């Protein structure tokens, strides 16, 4: 399984916010996050917009605007974030190409079960845990 770039950037953005001194109060800009992770600003705006729509962050427009976490990092489960950022699709495509096994394929069932288990396993980790990376904290301190 491979995560989309969108999910990767979503997790990085949340980790950045969670690693700040006061994660629930610290406002940062999408530009600051895009600069830190060396991604195009326009792409980061799309990520931030979606994270706001999903309720992971709070965004504020204006001169003193920015983004911040909507909930404590300890309450955010990585599997839940990934479920909201990954596109809903099957691991294998049984419908585009004609397949004589369609509807009776044990491989598809096994892959779908593994896919669901991945998200369940990722919920064993909180944002607070993955954001405690020392190097990330150092980068955030430098960029602040």
N, C-alpha and C. Protein backbone atom coordinates (compact mmCIF):
# COMPACT_ATOMS: atom_id res chain seq x y z
N UNK A 1 0.84 -1.18 0.00
CA UNK A 1 0.00 0.00 0.00
C UNK A 1 0.88 1.24 0.00
N UNK A 2 0.47 2.24 -0.73
CA UNK A 2 1.20 3.50 -0.79
C UNK A 2 0.23 4.63 -0.53
N UNK A 3 0.61 5.54 0.37
CA UNK A 3 -0.23 6.69 0.66
C UNK A 3 -0.08 7.73 -0.43
N UNK A 4 -1.13 8.50 -0.63
CA UNK A 4 -1.06 9.61 -1.59
C UNK A 4 -0.18 10.72 -1.03
N UNK A 5 0.33 11.53 -1.90
CA UNK A 5 1.12 12.71 -1.49
C UNK A 5 0.25 13.63 -0.64
N UNK A 6 -1.02 13.70 -0.96
CA UNK A 6 -1.96 14.54 -0.22
C UNK A 6 -2.02 14.09 1.25
N UNK A 7 -2.12 12.79 1.49
CA UNK A 7 -2.16 12.27 2.86
C UNK A 7 -0.84 12.53 3.57
N UNK A 8 0.25 12.34 2.86
CA UNK A 8 1.58 12.60 3.43
C UNK A 8 1.68 14.05 3.91
N UNK A 9 1.29 14.98 3.06
CA UNK A 9 1.36 16.40 3.43
C UNK A 9 0.37 16.75 4.53
N UNK A 10 -0.77 16.09 4.54
CA UNK A 10 -1.75 16.32 5.61
C UNK A 10 -1.15 15.92 6.95
N UNK A 11 -0.53 14.75 7.00
CA UNK A 11 0.08 14.29 8.24
C UNK A 11 1.24 15.19 8.66
N UNK A 12 2.06 15.60 7.71
CA UNK A 12 3.18 16.50 8.03
C UNK A 12 2.68 17.83 8.60
N UNK A 13 1.62 18.35 8.00
CA UNK A 13 1.05 19.62 8.48
C UNK A 13 0.56 19.46 9.91
N UNK A 14 -0.17 18.40 10.18
CA UNK A 14 -0.68 18.17 11.53
C UNK A 14 0.48 17.95 12.52
N UNK A 15 1.50 17.24 12.08
CA UNK A 15 2.66 17.02 12.95
C UNK A 15 3.35 18.36 13.27
N UNK A 16 3.47 19.20 12.26
CA UNK A 16 4.07 20.52 12.46
C UNK A 16 3.28 21.29 13.52
N UNK A 17 1.99 21.31 13.39
CA UNK A 17 1.15 22.03 14.35
C UNK A 17 1.24 21.41 15.75
N UNK A 18 1.27 20.09 15.81
CA UNK A 18 1.31 19.40 17.11
C UNK A 18 2.64 19.57 17.81
N UNK A 19 3.69 19.84 17.07
CA UNK A 19 5.01 19.95 17.68
C UNK A 19 5.34 21.36 18.16
N UNK A 20 4.42 22.28 17.98
CA UNK A 20 4.62 23.66 18.45
C UNK A 20 4.51 23.71 19.97
N UNK A 21 5.05 24.77 20.58
CA UNK A 21 5.01 24.93 22.04
C UNK A 21 3.59 24.83 22.60
N UNK A 22 2.68 25.57 22.04
CA UNK A 22 1.27 25.56 22.47
C UNK A 22 0.44 25.12 21.27
N UNK A 23 0.35 23.82 21.02
CA UNK A 23 -0.28 23.35 19.78
C UNK A 23 -1.73 23.77 19.58
N UNK A 24 -2.45 24.01 20.65
CA UNK A 24 -3.85 24.40 20.50
C UNK A 24 -4.01 25.90 20.27
N UNK A 25 -2.97 26.67 20.54
CA UNK A 25 -3.06 28.12 20.41
C UNK A 25 -2.17 28.70 19.32
N UNK A 26 -1.12 27.99 18.97
CA UNK A 26 -0.13 28.52 18.03
C UNK A 26 -0.69 28.58 16.61
N UNK A 27 -0.77 29.78 16.07
CA UNK A 27 -1.22 29.97 14.69
C UNK A 27 0.01 30.02 13.79
N UNK A 28 -0.05 29.31 12.70
CA UNK A 28 1.00 29.35 11.69
C UNK A 28 0.34 29.57 10.34
N UNK A 29 1.12 29.92 9.36
CA UNK A 29 0.58 30.14 8.03
C UNK A 29 0.83 28.92 7.15
N UNK A 30 0.01 28.77 6.15
CA UNK A 30 0.22 27.70 5.17
C UNK A 30 1.55 27.90 4.47
N UNK A 31 1.94 29.15 4.28
CA UNK A 31 3.23 29.43 3.63
C UNK A 31 4.38 28.92 4.49
N UNK A 32 4.30 29.09 5.80
CA UNK A 32 5.37 28.61 6.68
C UNK A 32 5.49 27.08 6.60
N UNK A 33 4.37 26.41 6.55
CA UNK A 33 4.39 24.95 6.47
C UNK A 33 4.93 24.51 5.11
N UNK A 34 4.51 25.17 4.05
CA UNK A 34 4.98 24.79 2.71
C UNK A 34 6.48 25.05 2.58
N UNK A 35 6.97 26.11 3.20
CA UNK A 35 8.40 26.40 3.17
C UNK A 35 9.19 25.34 3.92
N UNK A 36 8.72 25.00 5.12
CA UNK A 36 9.43 24.01 5.93
C UNK A 36 9.55 22.68 5.21
N UNK A 37 8.47 22.23 4.57
CA UNK A 37 8.48 20.92 3.92
C UNK A 37 8.80 20.99 2.43
N UNK A 38 9.14 22.19 1.95
CA UNK A 38 9.57 22.38 0.57
C UNK A 38 8.56 21.84 -0.44
N UNK A 39 7.32 22.28 -0.27
CA UNK A 39 6.25 21.90 -1.20
C UNK A 39 5.62 23.17 -1.76
N UNK A 40 5.05 23.11 -2.94
CA UNK A 40 4.43 24.30 -3.52
C UNK A 40 3.32 24.85 -2.63
N UNK A 41 3.31 26.15 -2.49
CA UNK A 41 2.32 26.82 -1.65
C UNK A 41 0.90 26.50 -2.12
N UNK A 42 0.67 26.50 -3.42
CA UNK A 42 -0.68 26.23 -3.94
C UNK A 42 -1.16 24.84 -3.52
N UNK A 43 -0.26 23.88 -3.49
CA UNK A 43 -0.65 22.53 -3.06
C UNK A 43 -0.95 22.52 -1.56
N UNK A 44 -0.15 23.25 -0.79
CA UNK A 44 -0.36 23.31 0.66
C UNK A 44 -1.70 23.96 0.99
N UNK A 45 -2.10 24.95 0.22
CA UNK A 45 -3.39 25.60 0.43
C UNK A 45 -4.52 24.58 0.28
N UNK A 46 -4.42 23.69 -0.70
CA UNK A 46 -5.43 22.66 -0.89
C UNK A 46 -5.46 21.70 0.30
N UNK A 47 -4.29 21.34 0.80
CA UNK A 47 -4.20 20.44 1.95
C UNK A 47 -4.83 21.10 3.17
N UNK A 48 -4.47 22.36 3.42
CA UNK A 48 -5.00 23.09 4.58
C UNK A 48 -6.51 23.25 4.47
N UNK A 49 -6.99 23.56 3.28
CA UNK A 49 -8.43 23.71 3.08
C UNK A 49 -9.16 22.41 3.43
N UNK A 50 -8.65 21.29 2.95
CA UNK A 50 -9.30 19.99 3.21
C UNK A 50 -9.22 19.64 4.70
N UNK A 51 -8.07 19.88 5.34
CA UNK A 51 -7.95 19.60 6.77
C UNK A 51 -8.94 20.43 7.58
N UNK A 52 -9.18 21.66 7.13
CA UNK A 52 -10.18 22.51 7.78
C UNK A 52 -11.58 21.98 7.57
N UNK A 53 -11.89 21.55 6.36
CA UNK A 53 -13.22 20.99 6.07
C UNK A 53 -13.47 19.74 6.89
N UNK A 54 -12.44 18.95 7.10
CA UNK A 54 -12.57 17.69 7.84
C UNK A 54 -12.58 17.90 9.36
N UNK A 55 -12.30 19.12 9.81
CA UNK A 55 -12.34 19.41 11.24
C UNK A 55 -11.06 19.11 12.00
N UNK A 56 -9.97 18.87 11.29
CA UNK A 56 -8.69 18.61 11.96
C UNK A 56 -8.01 19.90 12.41
N UNK A 57 -8.23 20.97 11.64
CA UNK A 57 -7.63 22.26 11.98
C UNK A 57 -8.68 23.36 11.92
N UNK A 58 -8.33 24.49 12.50
CA UNK A 58 -9.15 25.69 12.42
C UNK A 58 -8.35 26.69 11.60
N UNK A 59 -8.99 27.25 10.59
CA UNK A 59 -8.32 28.25 9.76
C UNK A 59 -8.97 29.60 9.97
N UNK A 60 -8.14 30.63 9.96
CA UNK A 60 -8.62 32.00 10.14
C UNK A 60 -8.01 32.85 9.05
N UNK A 61 -8.85 33.61 8.36
CA UNK A 61 -8.37 34.51 7.31
C UNK A 61 -7.96 35.84 7.90
N UNK A 62 -7.23 36.60 7.13
CA UNK A 62 -6.89 37.96 7.52
C UNK A 62 -5.43 38.12 7.92
N UNK A 63 -5.10 39.34 8.29
CA UNK A 63 -3.72 39.70 8.61
C UNK A 63 -3.14 38.86 9.73
N UNK A 64 -3.93 38.57 10.73
CA UNK A 64 -3.46 37.76 11.86
C UNK A 64 -3.95 36.32 11.77
N UNK A 65 -4.31 35.92 10.56
CA UNK A 65 -4.87 34.60 10.34
C UNK A 65 -3.82 33.51 10.26
N UNK A 66 -4.29 32.33 10.05
CA UNK A 66 -3.42 31.17 9.94
C UNK A 66 -4.19 29.91 10.24
N UNK A 67 -3.49 28.92 10.72
CA UNK A 67 -4.12 27.66 11.04
C UNK A 67 -3.57 27.13 12.35
N UNK A 68 -4.42 26.34 13.02
CA UNK A 68 -4.03 25.70 14.27
C UNK A 68 -4.86 24.44 14.43
N UNK A 69 -4.44 23.59 15.33
CA UNK A 69 -5.17 22.35 15.57
C UNK A 69 -6.56 22.64 16.13
N UNK A 70 -7.51 21.84 15.74
CA UNK A 70 -8.88 21.97 16.26
C UNK A 70 -9.08 21.13 17.52
N UNK A 71 -8.23 20.13 17.70
CA UNK A 71 -8.31 19.24 18.87
C UNK A 71 -6.91 18.97 19.39
N UNK A 72 -6.82 18.46 20.58
CA UNK A 72 -5.51 18.17 21.16
C UNK A 72 -4.83 17.06 20.37
N UNK A 73 -3.51 17.13 20.24
CA UNK A 73 -2.78 16.09 19.49
C UNK A 73 -2.98 14.69 20.07
N UNK A 74 -3.23 14.61 21.37
CA UNK A 74 -3.45 13.31 22.01
C UNK A 74 -4.77 12.66 21.59
N UNK A 75 -5.70 13.47 21.12
CA UNK A 75 -7.02 12.93 20.74
C UNK A 75 -7.14 12.62 19.25
N UNK A 76 -6.12 12.93 18.48
CA UNK A 76 -6.16 12.72 17.03
C UNK A 76 -5.46 11.40 16.69
N UNK A 77 -6.20 10.48 16.11
CA UNK A 77 -5.69 9.17 15.73
C UNK A 77 -5.26 9.19 14.26
N UNK A 78 -4.07 8.66 14.00
CA UNK A 78 -3.51 8.70 12.65
C UNK A 78 -4.40 7.96 11.65
N UNK A 79 -4.96 6.84 12.02
CA UNK A 79 -5.84 6.11 11.11
C UNK A 79 -7.06 6.92 10.71
N UNK A 80 -7.61 7.69 11.66
CA UNK A 80 -8.76 8.53 11.34
C UNK A 80 -8.39 9.62 10.34
N UNK A 81 -7.21 10.21 10.52
CA UNK A 81 -6.76 11.23 9.58
C UNK A 81 -6.60 10.62 8.19
N UNK A 82 -5.96 9.46 8.12
CA UNK A 82 -5.75 8.82 6.83
C UNK A 82 -7.06 8.42 6.16
N UNK A 83 -8.03 7.98 6.92
CA UNK A 83 -9.34 7.65 6.33
C UNK A 83 -9.97 8.89 5.69
N UNK A 84 -9.70 10.06 6.27
CA UNK A 84 -10.31 11.28 5.74
C UNK A 84 -9.52 11.90 4.60
N UNK A 85 -8.28 11.46 4.39
CA UNK A 85 -7.47 12.07 3.33
C UNK A 85 -7.19 11.13 2.16
N UNK A 86 -7.28 9.83 2.39
CA UNK A 86 -7.06 8.87 1.31
C UNK A 86 -8.33 8.74 0.48
N UNK A 87 -8.19 8.62 -0.83
CA UNK A 87 -9.39 8.42 -1.65
C UNK A 87 -10.01 7.06 -1.35
N UNK A 88 -11.32 7.01 -1.46
CA UNK A 88 -12.02 5.74 -1.22
C UNK A 88 -11.99 4.92 -2.50
N UNK A 89 -11.13 3.93 -2.50
CA UNK A 89 -11.08 3.03 -3.65
C UNK A 89 -10.55 1.67 -3.19
N UNK A 90 -10.83 0.69 -3.98
CA UNK A 90 -10.37 -0.65 -3.67
C UNK A 90 -8.87 -0.75 -3.94
N UNK A 91 -8.22 -1.69 -3.28
CA UNK A 91 -6.80 -1.90 -3.48
C UNK A 91 -6.52 -2.36 -4.90
N UNK A 92 -7.38 -3.23 -5.43
CA UNK A 92 -7.25 -3.64 -6.83
C UNK A 92 -8.55 -3.31 -7.55
N UNK A 93 -8.42 -3.05 -8.84
CA UNK A 93 -9.55 -2.66 -9.67
C UNK A 93 -10.10 -3.88 -10.40
N UNK A 94 -11.24 -4.34 -9.95
CA UNK A 94 -11.86 -5.53 -10.56
C UNK A 94 -12.94 -5.16 -11.58
N UNK A 95 -13.12 -3.89 -11.83
CA UNK A 95 -14.26 -3.48 -12.65
C UNK A 95 -13.87 -2.87 -13.99
N UNK A 96 -12.69 -2.23 -14.06
CA UNK A 96 -12.28 -1.61 -15.32
C UNK A 96 -11.98 -2.67 -16.37
N UNK A 97 -11.27 -3.70 -15.97
CA UNK A 97 -10.95 -4.82 -16.87
C UNK A 97 -11.90 -5.97 -16.57
N UNK A 98 -12.44 -6.61 -17.58
CA UNK A 98 -13.31 -7.76 -17.32
C UNK A 98 -12.52 -8.85 -16.58
N UNK A 99 -13.11 -9.40 -15.54
CA UNK A 99 -12.45 -10.45 -14.77
C UNK A 99 -13.44 -11.58 -14.51
N UNK A 100 -13.10 -12.80 -14.89
CA UNK A 100 -14.02 -13.92 -14.68
C UNK A 100 -14.21 -14.26 -13.20
N UNK A 101 -13.35 -13.75 -12.34
CA UNK A 101 -13.45 -14.04 -10.90
C UNK A 101 -14.27 -13.00 -10.14
N UNK A 102 -14.71 -11.95 -10.82
CA UNK A 102 -15.42 -10.86 -10.16
C UNK A 102 -16.57 -11.42 -9.31
N UNK A 103 -16.58 -10.98 -8.07
CA UNK A 103 -17.61 -11.41 -7.15
C UNK A 103 -17.26 -12.66 -6.36
N UNK A 104 -16.24 -13.40 -6.80
CA UNK A 104 -15.84 -14.63 -6.11
C UNK A 104 -14.33 -14.70 -5.90
N UNK A 105 -13.67 -13.57 -5.86
CA UNK A 105 -12.21 -13.55 -5.80
C UNK A 105 -11.72 -13.49 -4.35
N UNK A 106 -11.01 -14.50 -3.94
CA UNK A 106 -10.46 -14.53 -2.59
C UNK A 106 -9.32 -13.53 -2.42
N UNK A 107 -8.59 -13.24 -3.50
CA UNK A 107 -7.50 -12.26 -3.43
C UNK A 107 -8.06 -10.88 -3.11
N UNK A 108 -9.11 -10.48 -3.81
CA UNK A 108 -9.71 -9.16 -3.55
C UNK A 108 -10.19 -9.07 -2.11
N UNK A 109 -10.83 -10.10 -1.63
CA UNK A 109 -11.29 -10.10 -0.24
C UNK A 109 -10.12 -9.95 0.74
N UNK A 110 -9.04 -10.67 0.48
CA UNK A 110 -7.86 -10.60 1.35
C UNK A 110 -7.25 -9.21 1.33
N UNK A 111 -7.14 -8.62 0.14
CA UNK A 111 -6.56 -7.28 0.03
C UNK A 111 -7.45 -6.23 0.69
N UNK A 112 -8.75 -6.33 0.51
CA UNK A 112 -9.67 -5.39 1.16
C UNK A 112 -9.58 -5.50 2.67
N UNK A 113 -9.46 -6.72 3.17
CA UNK A 113 -9.35 -6.93 4.61
C UNK A 113 -8.03 -6.34 5.14
N UNK A 114 -6.96 -6.52 4.40
CA UNK A 114 -5.67 -5.94 4.79
C UNK A 114 -5.69 -4.43 4.78
N UNK A 115 -6.37 -3.85 3.81
CA UNK A 115 -6.50 -2.40 3.70
C UNK A 115 -7.23 -1.84 4.91
N UNK A 116 -8.31 -2.48 5.29
CA UNK A 116 -9.07 -2.05 6.48
C UNK A 116 -8.23 -2.22 7.74
N UNK A 117 -7.46 -3.30 7.81
CA UNK A 117 -6.61 -3.55 8.98
C UNK A 117 -5.53 -2.48 9.11
N UNK A 118 -5.04 -1.97 7.99
CA UNK A 118 -4.03 -0.91 8.01
C UNK A 118 -4.54 0.31 8.76
N UNK A 119 -5.74 0.77 8.42
CA UNK A 119 -6.31 1.94 9.09
C UNK A 119 -6.54 1.68 10.57
N UNK A 120 -7.02 0.49 10.86
CA UNK A 120 -7.24 0.12 12.27
C UNK A 120 -5.92 0.15 13.03
N UNK A 121 -4.87 -0.39 12.46
CA UNK A 121 -3.55 -0.40 13.11
C UNK A 121 -3.02 1.02 13.27
N UNK A 122 -3.23 1.87 12.30
CA UNK A 122 -2.75 3.25 12.39
C UNK A 122 -3.44 4.01 13.52
N UNK A 123 -4.62 3.58 13.91
CA UNK A 123 -5.31 4.22 15.03
C UNK A 123 -4.68 3.90 16.38
N UNK A 124 -3.68 3.03 16.39
CA UNK A 124 -2.92 2.79 17.62
C UNK A 124 -1.97 3.94 17.91
N UNK A 125 -1.80 4.85 16.96
CA UNK A 125 -0.87 5.97 17.10
C UNK A 125 -1.63 7.29 17.12
N UNK A 126 -1.22 8.15 18.03
CA UNK A 126 -1.82 9.49 18.09
C UNK A 126 -0.89 10.49 17.41
N UNK A 127 -1.47 11.63 17.08
CA UNK A 127 -0.67 12.72 16.51
C UNK A 127 0.41 13.15 17.49
N UNK A 128 0.09 13.17 18.77
CA UNK A 128 1.09 13.57 19.78
C UNK A 128 2.29 12.63 19.74
N UNK A 129 2.06 11.35 19.55
CA UNK A 129 3.17 10.39 19.52
C UNK A 129 4.06 10.59 18.30
N UNK A 130 3.47 10.73 17.13
CA UNK A 130 4.29 10.85 15.92
C UNK A 130 4.91 12.23 15.78
N UNK A 131 4.35 13.22 16.46
CA UNK A 131 4.90 14.58 16.38
C UNK A 131 6.02 14.81 17.39
N UNK A 132 6.34 13.82 18.19
CA UNK A 132 7.37 14.00 19.21
C UNK A 132 8.78 13.74 18.67
N UNK A 133 8.92 13.63 17.37
CA UNK A 133 10.22 13.43 16.73
C UNK A 133 11.13 14.61 17.08
N UNK A 134 12.28 14.36 17.71
CA UNK A 134 13.17 15.46 18.12
C UNK A 134 13.59 16.37 16.96
N UNK A 135 13.91 15.81 15.80
CA UNK A 135 14.32 16.64 14.68
C UNK A 135 13.20 17.58 14.24
N UNK A 136 11.96 17.10 14.25
CA UNK A 136 10.83 17.96 13.89
C UNK A 136 10.73 19.12 14.88
N UNK A 137 10.85 18.84 16.14
CA UNK A 137 10.78 19.91 17.15
C UNK A 137 11.90 20.93 16.91
N UNK A 138 13.09 20.47 16.56
CA UNK A 138 14.20 21.39 16.25
C UNK A 138 13.89 22.24 15.04
N UNK A 139 13.32 21.63 13.98
CA UNK A 139 12.98 22.38 12.77
C UNK A 139 11.90 23.41 13.06
N UNK A 140 10.93 23.04 13.86
CA UNK A 140 9.85 23.98 14.21
C UNK A 140 10.41 25.14 15.00
N UNK A 141 11.31 24.87 15.92
CA UNK A 141 11.90 25.93 16.74
C UNK A 141 12.70 26.89 15.87
N UNK A 142 13.41 26.38 14.89
CA UNK A 142 14.20 27.22 13.99
C UNK A 142 13.29 28.07 13.11
N UNK A 143 12.18 27.48 12.64
CA UNK A 143 11.31 28.18 11.71
C UNK A 143 10.37 29.18 12.39
N UNK A 144 10.23 29.08 13.71
CA UNK A 144 9.28 29.95 14.43
C UNK A 144 9.74 31.38 14.50
